[in-house]
């Protein structure tokens, strides 16, 4: 007999809808995906600031921050990348249940993992943001010096170099960070999210 048969989730009285009413907006996962150096974390941080100033409840889950804590034991193998995103997806789902707009900034290179995250929440509660930036521009930025190390072979299985990135086929919104200013990108996102979650 599976031990999971003994797990019976408790049905609490306060529901997601009750929290949404209290907060004055619907909750959602705003899932930023893109190559390293595309601007995911910068964009998520700037958007959160704008949403917060507008009185919306927010929280950011960011790649390096999560790997420094909750997921510190995971490597960058395909299996561990999938587990990294699985854990993040479950945490993000909890934030949605709490009535919060949670912004996640992760490379999340595999389509199937992002789809798993989408299916954990209700319709309209997952907003996939493709932070679209050509590899050559990301390499020119190389804000963390990671591409240089990957090209030298000091880092292996680096997304975009020797590990694939599967770009979203139908994201809710695409932000070409090589063509927009940060302010312009945030304006687009804020307008879209305000309309969707009001």
N, C-alpha and C. Protein backbone atom coordinates (compact mmCIF):
# COMPACT_ATOMS: atom_id res chain seq x y z
N UNK A 1 0.84 -1.20 0.00
CA UNK A 1 0.00 0.00 0.00
C UNK A 1 0.88 1.25 0.00
N UNK A 2 0.58 2.18 -0.85
CA UNK A 2 1.36 3.41 -0.93
C UNK A 2 1.13 4.27 0.30
N UNK A 3 2.23 4.86 0.81
CA UNK A 3 2.10 5.74 1.97
C UNK A 3 1.30 6.99 1.63
N UNK A 4 1.23 7.35 0.35
CA UNK A 4 0.48 8.54 -0.05
C UNK A 4 -1.01 8.39 0.19
N UNK A 5 -1.50 7.15 0.33
CA UNK A 5 -2.91 6.93 0.61
C UNK A 5 -3.30 7.49 1.97
N UNK A 6 -2.31 7.70 2.83
CA UNK A 6 -2.57 8.21 4.17
C UNK A 6 -2.51 9.74 4.23
N UNK A 7 -2.24 10.40 3.07
CA UNK A 7 -2.19 11.85 3.02
C UNK A 7 -3.57 12.37 2.63
N UNK A 8 -4.19 13.10 3.54
CA UNK A 8 -5.53 13.64 3.29
C UNK A 8 -5.49 15.14 3.55
N UNK A 9 -5.39 15.96 2.48
CA UNK A 9 -5.31 17.41 2.68
C UNK A 9 -6.52 17.95 3.43
N UNK A 10 -6.27 18.89 4.34
CA UNK A 10 -7.35 19.50 5.12
C UNK A 10 -8.04 20.58 4.30
N UNK A 11 -9.34 20.63 4.40
CA UNK A 11 -10.13 21.63 3.68
C UNK A 11 -10.37 22.82 4.62
N UNK A 12 -9.60 23.89 4.43
CA UNK A 12 -9.70 25.05 5.33
C UNK A 12 -10.86 25.95 4.94
N UNK A 13 -11.33 26.75 5.89
CA UNK A 13 -12.51 27.59 5.66
C UNK A 13 -12.22 28.79 4.78
N UNK A 14 -11.04 29.41 4.94
CA UNK A 14 -10.70 30.58 4.13
C UNK A 14 -10.13 30.09 2.81
N UNK A 15 -10.75 30.51 1.72
CA UNK A 15 -10.38 30.04 0.39
C UNK A 15 -9.61 31.11 -0.39
N UNK A 16 -9.05 30.68 -1.52
CA UNK A 16 -8.33 31.59 -2.41
C UNK A 16 -9.19 32.78 -2.81
N UNK A 17 -10.44 32.52 -3.13
CA UNK A 17 -11.35 33.60 -3.54
C UNK A 17 -11.55 34.61 -2.42
N UNK A 18 -11.59 34.14 -1.18
CA UNK A 18 -11.73 35.05 -0.04
C UNK A 18 -10.52 35.97 0.08
N UNK A 19 -9.35 35.41 -0.14
CA UNK A 19 -8.12 36.21 -0.07
C UNK A 19 -8.05 37.22 -1.20
N UNK A 20 -8.52 36.81 -2.38
CA UNK A 20 -8.53 37.72 -3.53
C UNK A 20 -9.42 38.93 -3.24
N UNK A 21 -10.56 38.70 -2.62
CA UNK A 21 -11.46 39.80 -2.26
C UNK A 21 -10.77 40.73 -1.27
N UNK A 22 -10.11 40.16 -0.27
CA UNK A 22 -9.40 40.95 0.73
C UNK A 22 -8.31 41.80 0.10
N UNK A 23 -7.59 41.23 -0.88
CA UNK A 23 -6.48 41.94 -1.52
C UNK A 23 -6.94 42.92 -2.60
N UNK A 24 -8.13 42.69 -3.13
CA UNK A 24 -8.65 43.60 -4.15
C UNK A 24 -8.17 43.29 -5.56
N UNK A 25 -7.59 42.12 -5.77
CA UNK A 25 -7.16 41.69 -7.11
C UNK A 25 -7.05 40.18 -7.14
N UNK A 26 -7.09 39.62 -8.33
CA UNK A 26 -6.93 38.19 -8.48
C UNK A 26 -5.45 37.81 -8.36
N UNK A 27 -5.15 36.60 -7.88
CA UNK A 27 -3.76 36.15 -7.79
C UNK A 27 -3.31 35.54 -9.11
N UNK A 28 -2.00 35.41 -9.27
CA UNK A 28 -1.47 34.77 -10.48
C UNK A 28 0.01 34.47 -10.32
N UNK A 29 0.48 33.57 -11.15
CA UNK A 29 1.92 33.37 -11.34
C UNK A 29 2.31 34.13 -12.60
N UNK A 30 3.24 35.05 -12.48
CA UNK A 30 3.81 35.74 -13.64
C UNK A 30 5.17 35.08 -13.86
N UNK A 31 5.24 34.20 -14.86
CA UNK A 31 6.40 33.32 -15.05
C UNK A 31 7.32 33.89 -16.13
N UNK A 32 8.44 34.46 -15.72
CA UNK A 32 9.44 35.00 -16.64
C UNK A 32 10.36 33.87 -17.07
N UNK A 33 10.48 33.64 -18.37
CA UNK A 33 11.40 32.64 -18.89
C UNK A 33 12.24 33.26 -20.01
N UNK A 34 13.50 32.86 -20.08
CA UNK A 34 14.40 33.39 -21.10
C UNK A 34 15.83 33.01 -20.76
N UNK A 35 16.72 33.29 -21.68
CA UNK A 35 18.13 32.95 -21.49
C UNK A 35 18.74 33.73 -20.34
N UNK A 36 19.85 33.22 -19.83
CA UNK A 36 20.64 33.97 -18.85
C UNK A 36 21.09 35.28 -19.49
N UNK A 37 20.89 36.39 -18.79
CA UNK A 37 21.28 37.68 -19.32
C UNK A 37 20.20 38.37 -20.15
N UNK A 38 19.04 37.72 -20.30
CA UNK A 38 17.97 38.32 -21.09
C UNK A 38 17.27 39.46 -20.34
N UNK A 39 17.39 39.46 -19.02
CA UNK A 39 16.81 40.54 -18.22
C UNK A 39 15.64 40.11 -17.35
N UNK A 40 15.49 38.82 -17.10
CA UNK A 40 14.35 38.31 -16.33
C UNK A 40 14.27 38.92 -14.94
N UNK A 41 15.35 38.82 -14.19
CA UNK A 41 15.35 39.30 -12.80
C UNK A 41 15.19 40.81 -12.73
N UNK A 42 15.87 41.53 -13.62
CA UNK A 42 15.77 42.99 -13.65
C UNK A 42 14.33 43.41 -13.93
N UNK A 43 13.72 42.76 -14.91
CA UNK A 43 12.36 43.07 -15.30
C UNK A 43 11.36 42.71 -14.20
N UNK A 44 11.53 41.52 -13.61
CA UNK A 44 10.63 41.09 -12.54
C UNK A 44 10.70 42.05 -11.35
N UNK A 45 11.91 42.46 -11.00
CA UNK A 45 12.08 43.38 -9.87
C UNK A 45 11.43 44.73 -10.14
N UNK A 46 11.63 45.26 -11.34
CA UNK A 46 11.05 46.56 -11.69
C UNK A 46 9.53 46.47 -11.75
N UNK A 47 9.01 45.36 -12.28
CA UNK A 47 7.57 45.19 -12.35
C UNK A 47 6.98 45.05 -10.94
N UNK A 48 7.65 44.28 -10.09
CA UNK A 48 7.14 44.13 -8.72
C UNK A 48 7.04 45.48 -8.03
N UNK A 49 8.05 46.31 -8.20
CA UNK A 49 8.04 47.63 -7.57
C UNK A 49 6.83 48.44 -8.05
N UNK A 50 6.56 48.37 -9.35
CA UNK A 50 5.43 49.11 -9.92
C UNK A 50 4.10 48.55 -9.38
N UNK A 51 3.96 47.24 -9.33
CA UNK A 51 2.75 46.62 -8.82
C UNK A 51 2.55 46.94 -7.34
N UNK A 52 3.64 46.88 -6.59
CA UNK A 52 3.58 47.16 -5.15
C UNK A 52 3.13 48.60 -4.90
N UNK A 53 3.67 49.52 -5.68
CA UNK A 53 3.28 50.93 -5.52
C UNK A 53 1.82 51.16 -5.88
N UNK A 54 1.28 50.27 -6.72
CA UNK A 54 -0.13 50.37 -7.10
C UNK A 54 -1.04 49.67 -6.08
N UNK A 55 -0.44 49.10 -5.03
CA UNK A 55 -1.22 48.48 -3.96
C UNK A 55 -1.54 47.02 -4.15
N UNK A 56 -0.81 46.33 -5.06
CA UNK A 56 -1.05 44.91 -5.28
C UNK A 56 -0.08 44.08 -4.45
N UNK A 57 -0.57 42.94 -3.98
CA UNK A 57 0.25 42.03 -3.15
C UNK A 57 1.15 41.19 -4.04
N UNK A 58 2.45 41.26 -3.82
CA UNK A 58 3.40 40.58 -4.71
C UNK A 58 4.50 39.88 -3.93
N UNK A 59 5.17 38.96 -4.64
CA UNK A 59 6.40 38.35 -4.12
C UNK A 59 7.19 37.82 -5.30
N UNK A 60 8.53 37.91 -5.22
CA UNK A 60 9.40 37.39 -6.28
C UNK A 60 10.10 36.11 -5.83
N UNK A 61 10.08 35.12 -6.69
CA UNK A 61 10.93 33.93 -6.55
C UNK A 61 11.96 34.03 -7.68
N UNK A 62 13.23 34.14 -7.31
CA UNK A 62 14.28 34.37 -8.30
C UNK A 62 15.27 33.20 -8.32
N UNK A 63 15.75 32.87 -9.50
CA UNK A 63 16.58 31.68 -9.71
C UNK A 63 17.74 31.50 -8.74
N UNK A 64 18.67 32.43 -8.71
CA UNK A 64 19.85 32.29 -7.86
C UNK A 64 19.47 32.31 -6.37
N UNK A 65 18.47 33.10 -6.01
CA UNK A 65 18.05 33.16 -4.61
C UNK A 65 17.47 31.83 -4.14
N UNK A 66 16.69 31.20 -5.00
CA UNK A 66 16.10 29.91 -4.65
C UNK A 66 17.16 28.82 -4.61
N UNK A 67 18.10 28.86 -5.54
CA UNK A 67 19.17 27.85 -5.55
C UNK A 67 20.15 28.04 -4.38
N UNK A 68 20.11 29.20 -3.76
CA UNK A 68 20.96 29.45 -2.59
C UNK A 68 20.29 28.98 -1.31
N UNK A 69 19.03 28.58 -1.39
CA UNK A 69 18.29 28.16 -0.20
C UNK A 69 17.54 26.87 -0.42
N UNK A 70 16.26 26.98 -0.78
CA UNK A 70 15.38 25.83 -0.94
C UNK A 70 15.98 24.74 -1.83
N UNK A 71 16.62 25.14 -2.93
CA UNK A 71 17.12 24.16 -3.90
C UNK A 71 18.64 24.08 -3.95
N UNK A 72 19.29 24.38 -2.84
CA UNK A 72 20.76 24.45 -2.86
C UNK A 72 21.43 23.12 -3.16
N UNK A 73 20.75 22.00 -2.97
CA UNK A 73 21.36 20.70 -3.22
C UNK A 73 21.25 20.23 -4.66
N UNK A 74 20.59 21.01 -5.50
CA UNK A 74 20.37 20.57 -6.88
C UNK A 74 21.49 21.02 -7.81
N UNK A 75 21.80 20.16 -8.79
CA UNK A 75 22.82 20.48 -9.79
C UNK A 75 22.12 21.08 -11.02
N UNK A 76 22.86 21.14 -12.14
CA UNK A 76 22.28 21.65 -13.38
C UNK A 76 22.09 20.53 -14.41
N UNK A 77 21.99 19.28 -13.92
CA UNK A 77 21.63 18.18 -14.81
C UNK A 77 20.19 18.39 -15.26
N UNK A 78 19.78 17.72 -16.34
CA UNK A 78 18.40 17.85 -16.80
C UNK A 78 17.41 17.45 -15.71
N UNK A 79 17.72 16.35 -15.00
CA UNK A 79 16.81 15.87 -13.95
C UNK A 79 16.69 16.88 -12.82
N UNK A 80 17.82 17.46 -12.42
CA UNK A 80 17.78 18.44 -11.32
C UNK A 80 17.18 19.77 -11.77
N UNK A 81 17.36 20.13 -13.02
CA UNK A 81 16.68 21.34 -13.53
C UNK A 81 15.16 21.14 -13.45
N UNK A 82 14.71 19.95 -13.82
CA UNK A 82 13.28 19.66 -13.76
C UNK A 82 12.77 19.69 -12.32
N UNK A 83 13.56 19.13 -11.41
CA UNK A 83 13.17 19.15 -9.99
C UNK A 83 13.18 20.57 -9.44
N UNK A 84 14.13 21.37 -9.87
CA UNK A 84 14.20 22.79 -9.47
C UNK A 84 12.89 23.50 -9.84
N UNK A 85 12.46 23.32 -11.09
CA UNK A 85 11.25 23.98 -11.55
C UNK A 85 10.01 23.37 -10.91
N UNK A 86 10.01 22.05 -10.66
CA UNK A 86 8.86 21.42 -9.98
C UNK A 86 8.66 22.03 -8.60
N UNK A 87 9.74 22.16 -7.84
CA UNK A 87 9.62 22.73 -6.49
C UNK A 87 9.16 24.19 -6.55
N UNK A 88 9.74 24.95 -7.46
CA UNK A 88 9.37 26.35 -7.60
C UNK A 88 7.89 26.46 -7.98
N UNK A 89 7.44 25.59 -8.85
CA UNK A 89 6.04 25.60 -9.29
C UNK A 89 5.10 25.36 -8.12
N UNK A 90 5.47 24.42 -7.26
CA UNK A 90 4.63 24.11 -6.10
C UNK A 90 4.61 25.29 -5.12
N UNK A 91 5.76 25.91 -4.92
CA UNK A 91 5.81 27.08 -4.03
C UNK A 91 4.98 28.22 -4.63
N UNK A 92 5.10 28.43 -5.93
CA UNK A 92 4.33 29.48 -6.60
C UNK A 92 2.84 29.21 -6.46
N UNK A 93 2.44 27.95 -6.56
CA UNK A 93 1.03 27.59 -6.40
C UNK A 93 0.52 27.99 -5.01
N UNK A 94 1.36 27.81 -4.00
CA UNK A 94 0.97 28.20 -2.64
C UNK A 94 0.76 29.70 -2.54
N UNK A 95 1.62 30.47 -3.22
CA UNK A 95 1.46 31.93 -3.21
C UNK A 95 0.15 32.33 -3.89
N UNK A 96 -0.21 31.64 -4.97
CA UNK A 96 -1.48 31.93 -5.63
C UNK A 96 -2.63 31.60 -4.69
N UNK A 97 -2.54 30.48 -3.99
CA UNK A 97 -3.59 30.12 -3.04
C UNK A 97 -3.71 31.17 -1.93
N UNK A 98 -2.58 31.83 -1.62
CA UNK A 98 -2.57 32.89 -0.60
C UNK A 98 -3.10 34.21 -1.16
N UNK A 99 -3.45 34.23 -2.45
CA UNK A 99 -4.02 35.43 -3.04
C UNK A 99 -3.02 36.42 -3.56
N UNK A 100 -1.78 35.98 -3.75
CA UNK A 100 -0.68 36.86 -4.11
C UNK A 100 -0.34 36.76 -5.59
N UNK A 101 0.20 37.84 -6.15
CA UNK A 101 0.79 37.81 -7.48
C UNK A 101 2.26 37.44 -7.28
N UNK A 102 2.64 36.25 -7.70
CA UNK A 102 4.02 35.80 -7.51
C UNK A 102 4.74 35.86 -8.85
N UNK A 103 5.88 36.54 -8.85
CA UNK A 103 6.69 36.68 -10.06
C UNK A 103 7.85 35.72 -9.96
N UNK A 104 8.00 34.83 -10.94
CA UNK A 104 9.09 33.87 -10.92
C UNK A 104 10.05 34.17 -12.06
N UNK A 105 11.33 34.29 -11.74
CA UNK A 105 12.35 34.61 -12.74
C UNK A 105 13.36 33.47 -12.81
N UNK A 106 13.13 32.56 -13.76
CA UNK A 106 13.96 31.37 -13.93
C UNK A 106 14.16 31.11 -15.41
N UNK A 107 15.33 30.64 -15.78
CA UNK A 107 15.54 30.27 -17.18
C UNK A 107 14.46 29.29 -17.61
N UNK A 108 14.18 28.30 -16.77
CA UNK A 108 13.17 27.26 -17.03
C UNK A 108 13.17 26.87 -18.51
N UNK A 109 14.22 26.17 -18.96
CA UNK A 109 14.43 25.97 -20.39
C UNK A 109 13.50 24.98 -21.08
N UNK A 110 12.80 24.14 -20.31
CA UNK A 110 12.02 23.07 -20.94
C UNK A 110 10.52 23.37 -20.92
N UNK A 111 9.89 23.28 -22.09
CA UNK A 111 8.46 23.58 -22.24
C UNK A 111 7.60 22.73 -21.31
N UNK A 112 7.92 21.45 -21.21
CA UNK A 112 7.06 20.56 -20.43
C UNK A 112 7.04 20.96 -18.95
N UNK A 113 8.16 21.46 -18.45
CA UNK A 113 8.20 21.90 -17.05
C UNK A 113 7.35 23.14 -16.83
N UNK A 114 7.39 24.07 -17.80
CA UNK A 114 6.55 25.27 -17.68
C UNK A 114 5.07 24.91 -17.78
N UNK A 115 4.75 23.89 -18.59
CA UNK A 115 3.36 23.46 -18.71
C UNK A 115 2.88 22.81 -17.41
N UNK A 116 3.76 22.08 -16.74
CA UNK A 116 3.41 21.51 -15.43
C UNK A 116 3.05 22.63 -14.46
N UNK A 117 3.84 23.69 -14.47
CA UNK A 117 3.57 24.84 -13.59
C UNK A 117 2.22 25.46 -13.93
N UNK A 118 1.95 25.62 -15.21
CA UNK A 118 0.68 26.23 -15.65
C UNK A 118 -0.52 25.42 -15.15
N UNK A 119 -0.40 24.09 -15.20
CA UNK A 119 -1.53 23.23 -14.85
C UNK A 119 -1.81 23.17 -13.35
N UNK A 120 -0.89 23.69 -12.54
CA UNK A 120 -1.09 23.67 -11.09
C UNK A 120 -2.08 24.73 -10.61
N UNK A 121 -2.34 25.73 -11.45
CA UNK A 121 -3.25 26.81 -11.05
C UNK A 121 -4.42 26.90 -12.03
N UNK A 122 -5.39 27.74 -11.70
CA UNK A 122 -6.59 27.82 -12.50
C UNK A 122 -6.42 28.61 -13.78
N UNK A 123 -7.46 28.59 -14.59
CA UNK A 123 -7.45 29.34 -15.85
C UNK A 123 -7.25 30.83 -15.57
N UNK A 124 -6.35 31.44 -16.32
CA UNK A 124 -6.08 32.86 -16.14
C UNK A 124 -5.14 33.19 -15.01
N UNK A 125 -4.64 32.16 -14.31
CA UNK A 125 -3.76 32.40 -13.16
C UNK A 125 -2.28 32.16 -13.49
N UNK A 126 -1.98 31.88 -14.74
CA UNK A 126 -0.59 31.68 -15.15
C UNK A 126 -0.33 32.59 -16.34
N UNK A 127 0.59 33.52 -16.16
CA UNK A 127 0.96 34.46 -17.21
C UNK A 127 2.42 34.21 -17.58
N UNK A 128 2.62 33.58 -18.73
CA UNK A 128 3.97 33.28 -19.18
C UNK A 128 4.53 34.49 -19.92
N UNK A 129 5.66 34.98 -19.43
CA UNK A 129 6.34 36.12 -20.03
C UNK A 129 7.63 35.62 -20.67
N UNK A 130 7.68 35.65 -21.99
CA UNK A 130 8.90 35.27 -22.69
C UNK A 130 9.79 36.50 -22.79
N UNK A 131 10.87 36.48 -22.03
CA UNK A 131 11.85 37.57 -22.08
C UNK A 131 12.79 37.24 -23.23
N UNK A 132 12.45 37.77 -24.39
CA UNK A 132 13.07 37.39 -25.65
C UNK A 132 14.28 38.28 -25.93
N UNK A 133 15.43 37.65 -26.00
CA UNK A 133 16.67 38.38 -26.28
C UNK A 133 17.62 37.43 -27.00
N UNK A 134 18.17 37.84 -28.15
CA UNK A 134 19.07 36.94 -28.89
C UNK A 134 20.28 36.52 -28.05
N UNK A 135 20.73 35.30 -28.29
CA UNK A 135 21.87 34.76 -27.56
C UNK A 135 23.08 35.69 -27.64
N UNK A 136 23.33 36.25 -28.83
CA UNK A 136 24.52 37.10 -28.97
C UNK A 136 24.44 38.36 -28.11
N UNK A 137 23.24 38.88 -27.91
CA UNK A 137 23.07 40.05 -27.04
C UNK A 137 23.27 39.65 -25.58
N UNK A 138 22.70 38.51 -25.20
CA UNK A 138 22.89 38.01 -23.83
C UNK A 138 24.37 37.79 -23.55
N UNK A 139 25.09 37.26 -24.53
CA UNK A 139 26.53 37.04 -24.35
C UNK A 139 27.29 38.35 -24.24
N UNK A 140 26.87 39.35 -24.99
CA UNK A 140 27.52 40.66 -24.89
C UNK A 140 27.31 41.27 -23.52
N UNK A 141 26.11 41.09 -22.99
CA UNK A 141 25.82 41.61 -21.64
C UNK A 141 26.63 40.82 -20.62
N UNK A 142 26.47 39.52 -20.63
CA UNK A 142 27.19 38.58 -19.74
C UNK A 142 27.43 39.17 -18.35
N UNK A 143 26.35 39.65 -17.72
CA UNK A 143 26.46 40.39 -16.46
C UNK A 143 27.11 39.58 -15.34
N UNK A 144 27.01 38.26 -15.40
CA UNK A 144 27.59 37.42 -14.35
C UNK A 144 28.87 36.72 -14.81
N UNK A 145 29.28 36.95 -16.06
CA UNK A 145 30.48 36.31 -16.58
C UNK A 145 30.32 34.83 -16.86
N UNK A 146 29.07 34.37 -16.94
CA UNK A 146 28.81 32.94 -17.08
C UNK A 146 29.02 32.43 -18.50
N UNK A 147 28.67 33.23 -19.49
CA UNK A 147 28.87 32.81 -20.88
C UNK A 147 30.35 32.63 -21.18
N UNK A 148 31.16 33.52 -20.67
CA UNK A 148 32.60 33.42 -20.89
C UNK A 148 33.13 32.11 -20.31
N UNK A 149 32.66 31.78 -19.10
CA UNK A 149 33.08 30.53 -18.48
C UNK A 149 32.57 29.33 -19.25
N UNK A 150 31.34 29.42 -19.75
CA UNK A 150 30.76 28.31 -20.52
C UNK A 150 31.53 28.10 -21.82
N UNK A 151 31.91 29.18 -22.49
CA UNK A 151 32.67 29.07 -23.74
C UNK A 151 34.05 28.47 -23.50
N UNK A 152 34.60 28.69 -22.30
CA UNK A 152 35.91 28.12 -21.96
C UNK A 152 35.80 26.69 -21.45
N UNK A 153 34.58 26.22 -21.25
CA UNK A 153 34.38 24.87 -20.74
C UNK A 153 34.44 24.78 -19.23
N UNK A 154 34.48 25.92 -18.56
CA UNK A 154 34.53 25.93 -17.09
C UNK A 154 33.16 25.62 -16.50
N UNK A 155 32.10 25.91 -17.26
CA UNK A 155 30.73 25.56 -16.88
C UNK A 155 30.18 24.68 -18.00
N UNK A 156 29.62 23.54 -17.64
CA UNK A 156 29.02 22.67 -18.65
C UNK A 156 27.50 22.68 -18.49
N UNK A 157 26.81 22.23 -19.56
CA UNK A 157 25.35 22.17 -19.57
C UNK A 157 24.76 23.55 -19.31
N UNK A 158 25.33 24.55 -19.98
CA UNK A 158 24.87 25.92 -19.82
C UNK A 158 23.84 26.22 -20.91
N UNK A 159 22.67 26.69 -20.50
CA UNK A 159 21.57 26.93 -21.44
C UNK A 159 21.97 27.91 -22.53
N UNK A 160 21.73 27.50 -23.77
CA UNK A 160 22.06 28.34 -24.92
C UNK A 160 23.41 28.01 -25.53
N UNK A 161 24.27 27.34 -24.75
CA UNK A 161 25.60 26.97 -25.24
C UNK A 161 25.66 25.48 -25.51
N UNK A 162 25.59 24.66 -24.47
CA UNK A 162 25.61 23.21 -24.68
C UNK A 162 24.41 22.52 -24.03
N UNK A 163 23.38 23.31 -23.74
CA UNK A 163 22.12 22.78 -23.24
C UNK A 163 21.01 23.62 -23.88
N UNK A 164 19.92 22.98 -24.32
CA UNK A 164 18.92 23.72 -25.11
C UNK A 164 18.03 24.64 -24.29
N UNK A 165 17.50 25.64 -24.98
CA UNK A 165 16.42 26.46 -24.44
C UNK A 165 15.24 26.34 -25.39
N UNK A 166 14.12 25.86 -24.87
CA UNK A 166 12.92 25.68 -25.67
C UNK A 166 12.03 26.91 -25.48
N UNK A 167 12.07 27.79 -26.45
CA UNK A 167 11.32 29.05 -26.35
C UNK A 167 9.82 28.78 -26.32
N UNK A 168 9.07 29.57 -25.56
CA UNK A 168 7.61 29.42 -25.54
C UNK A 168 7.02 29.61 -26.94
N UNK A 169 6.01 28.81 -27.28
CA UNK A 169 5.36 28.92 -28.58
C UNK A 169 4.17 29.88 -28.53
N UNK A 170 3.54 29.98 -27.37
CA UNK A 170 2.35 30.83 -27.26
C UNK A 170 2.27 31.48 -25.88
N UNK A 171 3.28 32.30 -25.53
CA UNK A 171 3.25 32.96 -24.22
C UNK A 171 2.14 34.01 -24.15
N UNK A 172 1.73 34.35 -22.96
CA UNK A 172 0.73 35.41 -22.81
C UNK A 172 1.29 36.74 -23.31
N UNK A 173 2.58 36.97 -23.09
CA UNK A 173 3.20 38.21 -23.53
C UNK A 173 4.69 37.99 -23.79
N UNK A 174 5.20 38.61 -24.83
CA UNK A 174 6.63 38.55 -25.17
C UNK A 174 7.22 39.93 -24.99
N UNK A 175 8.36 39.98 -24.30
CA UNK A 175 9.06 41.24 -24.07
C UNK A 175 10.45 41.15 -24.71
N UNK A 176 10.68 41.82 -25.83
CA UNK A 176 12.00 41.81 -26.48
C UNK A 176 12.92 42.84 -25.80
N UNK A 177 13.68 42.39 -24.83
CA UNK A 177 14.46 43.34 -24.00
C UNK A 177 15.59 44.00 -24.78
N UNK A 178 15.97 43.47 -25.92
CA UNK A 178 17.01 44.11 -26.74
C UNK A 178 16.43 45.26 -27.56
N UNK A 179 15.10 45.37 -27.59
CA UNK A 179 14.46 46.42 -28.38
C UNK A 179 13.74 47.47 -27.52
N UNK A 180 13.52 47.15 -26.25
CA UNK A 180 12.77 48.04 -25.37
C UNK A 180 13.63 48.57 -24.24
N UNK A 181 13.32 49.76 -23.76
CA UNK A 181 13.92 50.24 -22.52
C UNK A 181 13.27 49.48 -21.37
N UNK A 182 13.90 49.50 -20.21
CA UNK A 182 13.31 48.85 -19.05
C UNK A 182 11.95 49.49 -18.73
N UNK A 183 11.88 50.80 -18.79
CA UNK A 183 10.62 51.49 -18.51
C UNK A 183 9.53 51.08 -19.49
N UNK A 184 9.88 50.99 -20.77
CA UNK A 184 8.91 50.58 -21.78
C UNK A 184 8.43 49.16 -21.57
N UNK A 185 9.34 48.27 -21.19
CA UNK A 185 8.98 46.88 -20.94
C UNK A 185 8.05 46.77 -19.74
N UNK A 186 8.37 47.51 -18.68
CA UNK A 186 7.53 47.47 -17.47
C UNK A 186 6.15 48.06 -17.76
N UNK A 187 6.10 49.11 -18.56
CA UNK A 187 4.81 49.70 -18.93
C UNK A 187 3.92 48.67 -19.62
N UNK A 188 4.50 47.91 -20.55
CA UNK A 188 3.73 46.88 -21.27
C UNK A 188 3.20 45.82 -20.31
N UNK A 189 4.08 45.35 -19.44
CA UNK A 189 3.69 44.31 -18.51
C UNK A 189 2.66 44.79 -17.50
N UNK A 190 2.89 45.97 -16.96
CA UNK A 190 1.97 46.52 -15.95
C UNK A 190 0.58 46.69 -16.56
N UNK A 191 0.52 47.21 -17.77
CA UNK A 191 -0.76 47.41 -18.44
C UNK A 191 -1.48 46.07 -18.63
N UNK A 192 -0.75 45.07 -19.10
CA UNK A 192 -1.34 43.77 -19.35
C UNK A 192 -1.84 43.11 -18.05
N UNK A 193 -0.98 43.12 -17.03
CA UNK A 193 -1.32 42.43 -15.77
C UNK A 193 -2.44 43.16 -15.03
N UNK A 194 -2.41 44.47 -15.03
CA UNK A 194 -3.47 45.24 -14.37
C UNK A 194 -4.83 44.91 -14.97
N UNK A 195 -4.87 44.79 -16.30
CA UNK A 195 -6.12 44.49 -16.99
C UNK A 195 -6.58 43.06 -16.70
N UNK A 196 -5.63 42.12 -16.69
CA UNK A 196 -5.98 40.70 -16.50
C UNK A 196 -6.40 40.37 -15.07
N UNK A 197 -5.82 41.04 -14.09
CA UNK A 197 -6.03 40.63 -12.69
C UNK A 197 -6.92 41.57 -11.89
N UNK A 198 -7.44 42.60 -12.51
CA UNK A 198 -8.31 43.52 -11.77
C UNK A 198 -9.68 42.91 -11.52
